[in-house]
Amino acid sequence: MLNLLLSLPPLTLTIMMLSLASIIGLWIGHWQVKGISLGVGGVLFGGIITGHFLMSTGLELEPSVLKFAQEFGLILFVYTVGVQVGPGFFASLRATGLKLNLLAAAIVLLSGLITLIIFQICDVPLPVILGILSGAVTNTPSLKAGIETLSTLGEKNDLVNMMGTGYAMAYPLGICGIFLSIWLIRIIFRVNIEDEARAIENQGPEKTRELKTINVMVNNPNLDGLTIGELPVFEDERVICSRLKRSAEQIIPAHDTILRMGDCLRLIGNEHDLRQASMLIGKVVSKEVLSASETSELSVVRLVVTNDEVLNEQVGKLQLKSRYNVIITRINRGGVELLPHDDTHLQFGDVLNIVGRQAAIEKVSAIFGNARHKLIQVQMLPIFIGILSGVILGSIPIMIPGFPAPLKLGLAGGPLVVAIILGRLGSFRKLYWFMPPGANLALREIGIVLFLAVVGINSGHNFLETLINGEGLVWVGYGVLITVIPLLIVGVMARAVFKVNYLVNPEKRSTL
């Protein structure tokens, strides 16, 4: 068998060993201890096993192929992550996400500070301590950034590969340390999970965006004769009235629709706004009062935006109510439900809840496309445009006085930033950056598997020797300190000072 492997061309052998490392690693990743598994992180250890085998047998792989697999794998990973989070990234910063992200940034800064202290006091080699930091916070892109920076500074390959060894030492207990910190916070503050979940449900509109539906009957005499548009709850479109029932007739109301006592309204909004609306209008009645029935001419359907002509179009400019007497009651974008406003821009893949008469809905369906088969198709051109743009951005040097080398976003940061921006834009002319969830996940997993397999193979030559005969166990201890101390400090501060709900604690957001 060994003779067969020795006779193979380096390219063939490299592909075989990458596949072997991935197979072993994914198998290891499925192992569970007390409900905890390494997941795709197991590929790192599959690579280490494969690298140790290569060292023992004297087999050599093609370095350029390994380098390409490592770089392109991470590019795929960060790009698909960016495209996925892009649509909601900036919105989260505008809301409470800003506070949570600042707390998460505090975790990163504290981790860096502890790493610096260990580096200064314990005389750990720079590549090793950087690898320990990346593994302790389970942050793969930071590992790539460190490797890239060390290579730029002219470090030898053996020293650069030691960063992967440090990463592998700290990674397993990095995962366990996160769970340990979360558990300790729960014990310290005697957190009751049911109470925390109930608190989230009772928070105001700025804290929860889950859309709900209620039926409200008008029994406030002060509203008799007023138009829907004159009610404060409808002024800023935080609540939408999708249907109005008067006697046996159901209609789609407009802003100038006059309300009468006994009218029943179907309202859509978040729980806080619906509660305010029902207090103003009247009393909540059962959903059966306005349920679809054979006598009602109104239908409720879901249409998917797939027509290039309406991409980036504002909902208000389509004039659906005046032209077709239909309305959009909600938009599902990437699994998040949104209330439509006149200035809401449509994106490819948006799922629209439409209320109207069947004949009108059929006309509107042609406008939006509703070609569901397009949702499983992947536009390859935008993917490579995004990757190319990201690589160009990541290669631009930024000169900062006092730094030994120009700073760059690199092959990890550049594609990530571009992907977030493109994911937020959604589309440009006939190019759209929507990616089916299944395709996104597949590309992301392939990318991170390739990257970790190469890191593991490069680290496998000296991993066991360092762990058994060297300072491996000491490095593991350093990793535990870097993981647990910042999480506990920020977790306690978030809970005690900022009163952050345990279920949205920023320590759960600090990893990639």
Protein backbone atom coordinates (compact mmCIF):
# COMPACT_ATOMS: atom_id res chain seq x y z
CA MET A 1 0.00 0.00 0.00
CA LEU A 2 2.81 2.39 0.92
CA ASN A 3 4.61 1.62 -2.34
CA LEU A 4 1.42 2.47 -4.23
CA LEU A 5 1.14 5.81 -2.44
CA LEU A 6 4.82 6.57 -3.09
CA SER A 7 4.30 5.95 -6.80
CA LEU A 8 1.42 8.41 -7.11
CA PRO A 9 1.96 11.88 -8.61
CA PRO A 10 2.15 14.59 -5.90
CA LEU A 11 -1.08 16.22 -7.13
CA THR A 12 -3.04 12.96 -6.92
CA LEU A 13 -1.60 12.14 -3.50
CA THR A 14 -2.44 15.63 -2.21
CA ILE A 15 -6.08 15.34 -3.26
CA MET A 16 -6.29 11.88 -1.69
CA MET A 17 -4.84 13.06 1.62
CA LEU A 18 -7.12 16.10 1.74
CA SER A 19 -10.09 13.81 1.24
CA LEU A 20 -8.80 11.38 3.87
CA ALA A 21 -8.30 14.18 6.40
CA SER A 22 -11.83 15.45 5.72
CA ILE A 23 -13.38 11.99 6.09
CA ILE A 24 -11.60 11.26 9.38
CA GLY A 25 -12.31 14.75 10.71
CA LEU A 26 -16.02 14.77 9.88
CA TRP A 27 -16.32 11.35 11.52
CA ILE A 28 -14.58 12.67 14.65
CA GLY A 29 -16.84 15.72 14.56
CA HIS A 30 -19.90 13.51 15.00
CA TRP A 31 -18.65 12.09 18.31
CA GLN A 32 -20.58 13.44 21.27
CA VAL A 33 -19.42 13.69 24.89
CA LYS A 34 -22.14 14.89 27.29
CA GLY A 35 -24.01 16.28 24.30
CA ILE A 36 -21.01 18.32 23.07
CA SER A 37 -19.34 17.62 19.73
CA LEU A 38 -16.60 19.27 17.69
CA GLY A 39 -18.75 19.39 14.56
CA VAL A 40 -16.82 20.57 11.53
CA GLY A 41 -13.96 21.48 13.90
CA GLY A 42 -13.16 17.76 13.98
CA VAL A 43 -11.62 18.17 10.52
CA LEU A 44 -8.69 19.95 12.18
CA PHE A 45 -7.88 16.77 14.08
CA GLY A 46 -8.48 14.63 11.01
CA GLY A 47 -5.83 16.75 9.33
CA ILE A 48 -3.47 16.33 12.30
CA ILE A 49 -3.83 12.54 12.12
CA THR A 50 -3.21 12.62 8.37
CA GLY A 51 -0.21 14.95 8.80
CA HIS A 52 1.31 12.61 11.40
CA PHE A 53 0.81 9.69 9.02
CA LEU A 54 2.56 11.59 6.22
CA MET A 55 5.51 12.39 8.49
CA SER A 56 5.80 8.76 9.61
CA THR A 57 5.79 7.41 6.06
CA GLY A 58 7.88 10.10 4.40
CA LEU A 59 5.14 11.01 1.93
CA GLU A 60 5.23 14.55 0.58
CA LEU A 61 2.31 16.59 -0.73
CA GLU A 62 2.21 19.38 -3.31
CA PRO A 63 2.68 22.62 -1.29
CA SER A 64 1.04 24.87 -3.91
CA VAL A 65 -2.11 22.73 -3.95
CA LEU A 66 -2.33 22.79 -0.16
CA LYS A 67 -1.87 26.56 -0.18
CA PHE A 68 -4.64 27.02 -2.76
CA ALA A 69 -7.04 24.71 -0.90
CA GLN A 70 -6.41 26.58 2.35
CA GLU A 71 -6.88 30.05 0.86
CA PHE A 72 -9.84 29.29 -1.39
CA GLY A 73 -11.55 27.24 1.31
CA LEU A 74 -11.51 30.13 3.76
CA ILE A 75 -12.65 32.57 1.05
CA LEU A 76 -15.69 30.37 0.37
CA PHE A 77 -16.43 30.15 4.08
CA VAL A 78 -16.29 33.87 4.91
CA TYR A 79 -18.04 34.89 1.67
CA THR A 80 -21.05 32.64 2.28
CA VAL A 81 -21.25 33.77 5.91
CA GLY A 82 -21.24 37.39 4.77
CA VAL A 83 -23.96 36.85 2.17
CA GLN A 84 -26.13 35.12 4.77
CA VAL A 85 -25.83 37.77 7.50
CA GLY A 86 -25.71 40.77 5.15
CA PRO A 87 -29.48 41.46 4.86
CA GLY A 88 -29.91 41.86 8.63
CA PHE A 89 -26.42 42.99 9.66
CA PHE A 90 -26.90 46.76 9.64
CA ALA A 91 -30.42 46.54 11.03
CA SER A 92 -29.09 44.64 14.04
CA LEU A 93 -26.52 47.37 14.67
CA ARG A 94 -29.23 50.03 14.68
CA ALA A 95 -31.22 48.18 17.34
CA THR A 96 -29.99 46.49 20.53
CA GLY A 97 -27.41 44.70 18.41
CA LEU A 98 -25.12 47.71 18.87
CA LYS A 99 -24.95 47.20 22.64
CA LEU A 100 -24.50 43.45 22.29
CA ASN A 101 -21.79 43.87 19.68
CA LEU A 102 -19.95 46.34 21.91
CA LEU A 103 -20.06 43.81 24.73
CA ALA A 104 -18.82 41.13 22.33
CA ALA A 105 -16.01 43.49 21.30
CA ALA A 106 -15.09 43.80 24.98
CA ILE A 107 -14.67 40.01 25.08
CA VAL A 108 -12.30 40.18 22.11
CA LEU A 109 -10.26 43.01 23.67
CA LEU A 110 -9.99 41.21 27.01
CA SER A 111 -8.92 38.02 25.23
CA GLY A 112 -6.22 39.99 23.43
CA LEU A 113 -5.09 41.62 26.69
CA ILE A 114 -4.78 38.27 28.49
CA THR A 115 -2.92 36.87 25.49
CA LEU A 116 -0.47 39.79 25.61
CA ILE A 117 0.12 39.27 29.34
CA ILE A 118 0.82 35.54 28.84
CA PHE A 119 3.14 36.34 25.92
CA GLN A 120 5.14 38.85 27.98
CA ILE A 121 5.34 36.83 31.21
CA CYS A 122 5.60 33.23 30.00
CA ASP A 123 7.87 33.74 26.97
CA VAL A 124 5.65 31.78 24.56
CA PRO A 125 6.67 31.98 20.86
CA LEU A 126 4.58 34.57 19.00
CA PRO A 127 3.11 32.14 16.41
CA VAL A 128 2.11 29.74 19.19
CA ILE A 129 0.36 32.33 21.37
CA LEU A 130 -1.50 33.71 18.33
CA GLY A 131 -2.65 30.20 17.49
CA ILE A 132 -3.72 29.61 21.10
CA LEU A 133 -5.74 32.85 20.99
CA SER A 134 -7.50 31.80 17.77
CA GLY A 135 -8.28 28.35 19.14
CA ALA A 136 -9.38 29.63 22.54
CA VAL A 137 -12.01 31.90 20.97
CA THR A 138 -12.77 29.26 18.27
CA ASN A 139 -12.27 31.92 15.60
CA THR A 140 -10.99 30.38 12.38
CA PRO A 141 -10.66 33.61 10.32
CA SER A 142 -8.34 35.04 12.98
CA LEU A 143 -6.09 32.00 12.52
CA LYS A 144 -5.90 32.77 8.80
CA ALA A 145 -5.21 36.45 9.48
CA GLY A 146 -2.38 35.52 11.85
CA ILE A 147 -0.82 33.10 9.38
CA GLU A 148 -1.02 35.73 6.65
CA THR A 149 0.53 38.42 8.86
CA LEU A 150 3.39 36.19 10.01
CA SER A 151 4.13 35.21 6.41
CA THR A 152 4.16 38.90 5.42
CA LEU A 153 6.65 39.61 8.20
CA GLY A 154 8.96 36.92 6.81
CA GLU A 155 8.58 34.24 9.49
CA LYS A 156 9.81 30.75 8.55
CA ASN A 157 7.22 28.16 7.51
CA ASP A 158 8.02 25.95 10.50
CA LEU A 159 7.20 28.80 12.88
CA VAL A 160 4.06 29.72 10.95
CA ASN A 161 2.87 26.11 11.16
CA MET A 162 3.33 26.26 14.94
CA MET A 163 0.40 28.68 14.96
CA GLY A 164 -1.81 25.85 13.71
CA THR A 165 -0.45 23.60 16.46
CA GLY A 166 -1.32 26.17 19.13
CA TYR A 167 -4.78 26.53 17.58
CA ALA A 168 -5.34 22.78 17.72
CA MET A 169 -4.21 22.62 21.36
CA ALA A 170 -6.65 25.31 22.50
CA TYR A 171 -9.64 24.60 20.24
CA PRO A 172 -11.36 21.66 22.06
CA LEU A 173 -11.31 23.30 25.49
CA GLY A 174 -12.19 26.59 23.80
CA ILE A 175 -15.55 25.07 22.92
CA CYS A 176 -15.95 23.53 26.38
CA GLY A 177 -14.90 26.80 28.03
CA ILE A 178 -17.72 28.68 26.33
CA PHE A 179 -20.30 26.23 27.65
CA LEU A 180 -18.65 26.30 31.09
CA SER A 181 -18.81 30.11 31.23
CA ILE A 182 -22.46 30.17 30.19
CA TRP A 183 -23.26 27.57 32.86
CA LEU A 184 -21.36 29.53 35.56
CA ILE A 185 -23.23 32.75 34.71
CA ARG A 186 -26.48 30.85 35.07
CA ILE A 187 -25.40 29.52 38.49
CA ILE A 188 -24.07 32.87 39.76
CA PHE A 189 -27.27 34.78 38.96
CA ARG A 190 -29.63 31.85 39.60
CA VAL A 191 -31.15 32.25 36.15
CA ASN A 192 -34.51 30.64 35.41
CA ILE A 193 -34.69 29.92 31.68
CA GLU A 194 -38.50 30.04 31.58
CA ASP A 195 -38.50 33.47 33.24
CA GLU A 196 -35.92 34.75 30.75
CA ALA A 197 -37.96 33.49 27.79
CA ARG A 198 -41.09 35.08 29.24
CA ALA A 199 -39.23 38.38 29.68
CA ILE A 200 -38.27 38.40 26.01
CA GLU A 201 -41.88 37.83 25.01
CA ASN A 202 -43.01 40.76 27.15
CA GLN A 203 -40.39 43.21 25.90
CA GLY A 204 -41.32 46.22 23.81
CA PRO A 205 -41.20 46.62 20.05
CA GLU A 206 -37.59 47.65 20.01
CA LYS A 207 -36.66 44.27 21.46
CA THR A 208 -38.77 41.84 19.46
CA ARG A 209 -39.80 41.89 15.81
CA GLU A 210 -41.86 38.70 15.62
CA LEU A 211 -45.05 39.40 13.71
CA LYS A 212 -48.41 38.21 14.97
CA THR A 213 -52.02 38.47 13.81
CA ILE A 214 -55.16 39.35 15.77
CA ASN A 215 -58.78 40.26 15.02
CA VAL A 216 -60.14 43.37 16.74
CA MET A 217 -63.75 44.56 16.80
CA VAL A 218 -64.40 48.32 16.78
CA ASN A 219 -66.41 49.17 19.92
CA ASN A 220 -64.82 52.53 20.74
CA PRO A 221 -67.51 55.13 19.87
CA ASN A 222 -64.82 57.81 19.41
CA LEU A 223 -63.60 55.98 16.30
CA ASP A 224 -66.99 55.78 14.56
CA GLY A 225 -66.72 57.81 11.35
CA LEU A 226 -62.93 58.16 11.39
CA THR A 227 -60.76 56.80 8.59
CA ILE A 228 -58.17 54.11 9.24
CA GLY A 229 -55.41 56.56 8.34
CA GLU A 230 -56.48 58.89 11.14
CA LEU A 231 -55.72 56.31 13.84
CA PRO A 232 -52.26 56.86 15.40
CA VAL A 233 -51.41 53.14 15.36
CA PHE A 234 -51.54 53.11 11.54
CA GLU A 235 -49.67 56.37 10.91
CA ASP A 236 -46.12 54.98 10.89
CA GLU A 237 -47.15 51.57 9.46
CA ARG A 238 -46.09 49.66 12.57
CA VAL A 239 -49.46 47.88 12.33
CA ILE A 240 -51.14 46.83 9.08
CA CYS A 241 -54.86 46.23 8.61
CA SER A 242 -55.14 43.50 5.98
CA ARG A 243 -58.92 42.91 6.05
CA LEU A 244 -62.09 44.54 7.29
CA LYS A 245 -65.36 42.70 7.85
CA ARG A 246 -68.63 44.63 7.99
CA SER A 247 -71.75 42.50 8.36
CA ALA A 248 -71.09 39.57 6.00
CA GLU A 249 -68.79 41.46 3.63
CA GLN A 250 -65.01 41.37 3.72
CA ILE A 251 -62.97 44.10 2.03
CA ILE A 252 -59.36 45.20 1.77
CA PRO A 253 -59.24 48.53 3.61
CA ALA A 254 -57.34 51.63 2.52
CA HIS A 255 -56.17 54.64 4.55
CA ASP A 256 -59.39 56.48 3.64
CA THR A 257 -61.70 53.60 4.62
CA ILE A 258 -64.24 54.85 7.19
CA LEU A 259 -64.64 52.81 10.36
CA ARG A 260 -68.03 51.91 11.84
CA MET A 261 -69.01 50.40 15.16
CA GLY A 262 -68.97 46.61 14.95
CA ASP A 263 -66.37 46.46 12.17
CA CYS A 264 -63.89 43.64 12.60
CA LEU A 265 -60.27 44.32 11.60
CA ARG A 266 -57.48 41.83 10.88
CA LEU A 267 -54.30 43.45 12.27
CA ILE A 268 -50.68 42.42 11.75
CA GLY A 269 -47.72 43.66 13.80
CA ASN A 270 -45.49 42.79 16.73
CA GLU A 271 -47.08 41.93 20.06
CA HIS A 272 -46.44 45.30 21.70
CA ASP A 273 -47.97 47.34 18.87
CA LEU A 274 -50.94 44.99 18.54
CA ARG A 275 -51.64 45.34 22.24
CA GLN A 276 -51.70 49.14 21.90
CA ALA A 277 -53.92 48.96 18.81
CA SER A 278 -56.45 46.67 20.48
CA MET A 279 -56.66 48.96 23.53
CA LEU A 280 -57.47 51.89 21.24
CA ILE A 281 -59.88 50.18 18.83
CA GLY A 282 -61.88 47.79 20.93
CA LYS A 283 -61.72 44.16 21.95
CA VAL A 284 -59.88 41.17 20.55
CA VAL A 285 -62.17 38.55 19.01
CA SER A 286 -61.54 35.00 17.84
CA LYS A 287 -59.71 34.41 14.58
CA GLU A 288 -62.69 32.52 13.20
CA VAL A 289 -64.55 35.82 12.84
CA LEU A 290 -62.31 36.75 9.91
CA SER A 291 -61.18 33.34 8.76
CA ALA A 292 -61.20 32.43 5.10
CA SER A 293 -64.49 30.94 4.07
CA GLU A 294 -66.35 29.92 0.95
CA THR A 295 -68.50 33.07 1.15
CA SER A 296 -65.48 35.38 1.23
CA GLU A 297 -64.10 36.57 -2.09
CA LEU A 298 -60.73 37.37 -0.53
CA SER A 299 -57.81 34.97 -0.70
CA VAL A 300 -54.50 34.89 1.11
CA VAL A 301 -51.54 33.56 -0.87
CA ARG A 302 -47.76 33.61 -0.70
CA LEU A 303 -45.84 34.87 -3.71
CA VAL A 304 -42.09 34.77 -4.23
CA VAL A 305 -40.17 37.66 -5.78
CA THR A 306 -38.24 36.19 -8.73
CA ASN A 307 -38.91 38.76 -11.49
CA ASP A 308 -35.80 40.80 -12.31
CA GLU A 309 -37.97 43.80 -13.24
CA VAL A 310 -39.13 44.43 -9.65
CA LEU A 311 -35.84 43.82 -7.84
CA ASN A 312 -34.94 46.82 -5.66
CA GLU A 313 -38.33 48.36 -6.48
CA GLN A 314 -40.10 50.14 -3.63
CA VAL A 315 -43.38 48.55 -2.53
CA GLY A 316 -45.20 51.89 -2.65
CA LYS A 317 -44.29 52.53 -6.28
CA LEU A 318 -46.05 49.35 -7.39
CA GLN A 319 -49.42 50.87 -6.31
CA LEU A 320 -50.89 47.43 -5.65
CA LYS A 321 -53.87 48.74 -3.67
CA SER A 322 -55.01 51.33 -6.21
CA ARG A 323 -54.31 49.24 -9.32
CA TYR A 324 -55.28 45.73 -8.21
CA ASN A 325 -56.99 46.14 -4.81
CA VAL A 326 -54.49 43.81 -3.15
CA ILE A 327 -52.03 44.47 -0.33
CA ILE A 328 -48.84 42.93 0.99
CA THR A 329 -49.34 42.08 4.65
CA ARG A 330 -45.85 40.82 5.46
CA ILE A 331 -42.50 39.97 3.88
CA ASN A 332 -40.39 36.95 4.80
CA ARG A 333 -36.75 37.68 4.01
CA GLY A 334 -34.17 35.09 4.89
CA GLY A 335 -36.41 33.62 7.59
CA VAL A 336 -37.15 37.03 9.16
CA GLU A 337 -40.67 38.44 8.89
CA LEU A 338 -40.96 42.14 8.10
CA LEU A 339 -43.86 44.56 7.89
CA PRO A 340 -43.93 46.14 4.42
CA HIS A 341 -43.68 49.92 4.13
CA ASP A 342 -43.99 52.11 1.06
CA ASP A 343 -40.20 52.57 0.98
CA THR A 344 -39.39 48.87 1.49
CA HIS A 345 -37.18 47.61 -1.37
CA LEU A 346 -37.96 44.16 -2.74
CA GLN A 347 -35.17 41.59 -2.95
CA PHE A 348 -34.89 38.33 -4.83
CA GLY A 349 -36.33 35.48 -2.80
CA ASP A 350 -38.65 37.65 -0.67
CA VAL A 351 -41.81 35.72 0.22
CA LEU A 352 -44.83 38.04 0.20
CA ASN A 353 -48.13 37.45 1.97
CA ILE A 354 -50.77 38.85 -0.41
CA VAL A 355 -54.45 39.48 0.36
CA GLY A 356 -56.93 40.13 -2.45
CA ARG A 357 -59.38 38.63 -4.88
CA GLN A 358 -58.17 35.62 -6.80
CA ALA A 359 -58.29 37.27 -10.24
CA ALA A 360 -56.25 40.24 -9.00
CA ILE A 361 -53.75 37.99 -7.24
CA GLU A 362 -53.11 36.12 -10.50
CA LYS A 363 -52.21 39.43 -12.19
CA VAL A 364 -49.96 40.43 -9.28
CA SER A 365 -48.31 37.00 -9.35
CA ALA A 366 -47.07 37.71 -12.87
CA ILE A 367 -45.55 41.00 -11.66
CA PHE A 368 -43.52 39.36 -8.89
CA GLY A 369 -42.61 36.27 -10.91
CA ASN A 370 -43.46 33.61 -8.32
CA ALA A 371 -41.18 31.14 -10.13
CA ARG A 372 -40.32 28.99 -7.14
CA HIS A 373 -37.95 26.80 -9.12
CA LYS A 374 -35.58 29.80 -9.31
CA LEU A 375 -35.13 29.62 -5.53
CA ILE A 376 -33.11 26.42 -5.90
CA GLN A 377 -30.99 27.81 -8.73
CA VAL A 378 -27.66 29.44 -7.95
CA GLN A 379 -26.42 32.39 -9.99
CA MET A 380 -22.70 31.69 -10.24
CA LEU A 381 -21.71 35.01 -11.83
CA PRO A 382 -22.52 37.13 -8.72
CA ILE A 383 -20.59 34.70 -6.50
CA PHE A 384 -17.36 35.12 -8.43
CA ILE A 385 -17.91 38.86 -8.84
CA GLY A 386 -18.18 39.05 -5.06
CA ILE A 387 -15.10 36.88 -4.49
CA LEU A 388 -13.05 38.89 -7.00
CA SER A 389 -14.12 42.18 -5.42
CA GLY A 390 -13.33 40.82 -1.95
CA VAL A 391 -9.86 39.63 -2.94
CA ILE A 392 -9.10 43.03 -4.51
CA LEU A 393 -10.32 44.85 -1.40
CA GLY A 394 -8.36 42.53 0.88
CA SER A 395 -5.16 43.15 -1.11
CA ILE A 396 -5.19 46.93 -0.73
CA PRO A 397 -2.40 47.92 1.70
CA ILE A 398 -3.15 50.47 4.41
CA MET A 399 -0.05 52.23 5.69
CA ILE A 400 -0.11 53.11 9.40
CA PRO A 401 2.90 54.86 10.96
CA GLY A 402 4.72 52.69 13.47
CA PHE A 403 3.56 49.36 12.04
CA PRO A 404 6.28 47.07 10.63
CA ALA A 405 4.13 46.18 7.61
CA PRO A 406 1.10 47.67 5.86
CA LEU A 407 -2.25 46.44 7.15
CA LYS A 408 -4.59 44.54 4.83
CA LEU A 409 -8.01 43.01 5.24
CA GLY A 410 -6.51 39.94 3.61
CA LEU A 411 -8.17 37.03 1.87
CA ALA A 412 -10.48 36.53 4.85
CA GLY A 413 -11.49 40.10 5.69
CA GLY A 414 -11.89 41.41 2.14
CA PRO A 415 -14.43 38.83 0.90
CA LEU A 416 -16.29 39.01 4.23
CA VAL A 417 -16.76 42.79 4.05
CA VAL A 418 -17.78 42.68 0.38
CA ALA A 419 -20.22 39.81 1.01
CA ILE A 420 -21.93 41.67 3.86
CA ILE A 421 -22.36 44.75 1.67
CA LEU A 422 -23.62 42.76 -1.33
CA GLY A 423 -25.94 40.73 0.88
CA ARG A 424 -27.39 43.99 2.17
CA LEU A 425 -27.84 45.40 -1.35
CA GLY A 426 -29.55 42.20 -2.46
CA SER A 427 -29.34 42.77 -6.21
CA PHE A 428 -27.99 45.01 -8.95
CA ARG A 429 -29.88 45.06 -12.24
CA LYS A 430 -30.24 41.37 -13.13
CA LEU A 431 -27.54 40.21 -10.74
CA TYR A 432 -28.73 39.09 -7.31
CA TRP A 433 -26.73 37.88 -4.36
CA PHE A 434 -29.47 35.68 -2.96
CA MET A 435 -28.16 32.19 -2.35
CA PRO A 436 -30.46 29.25 -1.53
CA PRO A 437 -29.88 28.19 2.09
CA GLY A 438 -28.88 24.68 1.06
CA ALA A 439 -26.33 25.94 -1.46
CA ASN A 440 -24.98 28.49 1.01
CA LEU A 441 -24.50 25.86 3.70
CA ALA A 442 -22.87 23.42 1.27
CA LEU A 443 -20.32 25.97 0.00
CA ARG A 444 -19.64 27.15 3.55
CA GLU A 445 -19.01 23.63 4.84
CA ILE A 446 -16.81 22.72 1.88
CA GLY A 447 -14.78 25.88 2.42
CA ILE A 448 -14.15 25.43 6.13
CA VAL A 449 -13.45 21.70 5.70
CA LEU A 450 -10.73 22.44 3.12
CA PHE A 451 -9.18 25.13 5.29
CA LEU A 452 -9.11 23.10 8.51
CA ALA A 453 -7.86 19.98 6.72
CA VAL A 454 -4.81 21.88 5.41
CA VAL A 455 -4.13 23.55 8.78
CA GLY A 456 -4.31 20.15 10.45
CA ILE A 457 -2.00 18.49 7.92
CA ASN A 458 0.59 21.25 8.33
CA SER A 459 0.36 20.99 12.13
CA GLY A 460 0.38 17.20 12.32
CA HIS A 461 4.13 16.81 11.91
CA ASN A 462 4.90 17.94 15.47
CA PHE A 463 1.53 17.90 17.24
CA LEU A 464 1.88 14.66 19.22
CA GLU A 465 5.48 15.36 20.18
CA THR A 466 4.55 18.83 21.43
CA LEU A 467 1.55 17.52 23.33
CA ILE A 468 3.33 14.60 25.02
CA ASN A 469 6.95 15.69 25.40
CA GLY A 470 6.74 19.45 25.00
CA GLU A 471 4.66 22.26 26.40
CA GLY A 472 1.37 21.20 24.84
CA LEU A 473 -0.52 20.79 28.12
CA VAL A 474 0.71 24.19 29.30
CA TRP A 475 -0.57 25.72 26.07
CA VAL A 476 -3.94 24.09 26.70
CA GLY A 477 -4.01 25.81 30.10
CA TYR A 478 -3.24 29.17 28.51
CA GLY A 479 -6.12 28.60 26.13
CA VAL A 480 -8.53 27.93 28.99
CA LEU A 481 -7.55 31.22 30.66
CA ILE A 482 -8.04 33.15 27.40
CA THR A 483 -11.45 31.52 26.90
CA VAL A 484 -13.02 31.64 30.35
CA ILE A 485 -11.80 34.87 32.00
CA PRO A 486 -13.13 37.34 29.37
CA LEU A 487 -16.44 35.49 29.06
CA LEU A 488 -17.01 35.54 32.82
CA ILE A 489 -16.05 39.21 33.21
CA VAL A 490 -18.24 40.44 30.34
CA GLY A 491 -21.03 38.00 31.16
CA VAL A 492 -21.24 39.24 34.75
CA MET A 493 -21.05 42.86 33.61
CA ALA A 494 -23.75 42.34 30.96
CA ARG A 495 -26.06 40.73 33.48
CA ALA A 496 -25.37 42.89 36.56
CA VAL A 497 -24.83 46.30 34.95
CA PHE A 498 -26.67 46.28 31.62
CA LYS A 499 -29.42 43.84 32.67
CA VAL A 500 -29.01 41.83 29.46
CA ASN A 501 -31.35 38.88 29.16
CA TYR A 502 -29.49 35.60 29.71
CA LEU A 503 -30.84 34.15 26.45
CA VAL A 504 -29.22 36.96 24.41
CA ASN A 505 -26.00 37.17 26.43
CA PRO A 506 -23.16 38.52 24.25
CA GLU A 507 -20.80 35.73 25.28
CA LYS A 508 -22.90 33.51 23.02
CA ARG A 509 -22.11 35.81 20.08
CA SER A 510 -18.35 36.01 20.42
CA THR A 511 -17.35 33.10 18.16
CA LEU A 512 -17.36 32.41 14.47
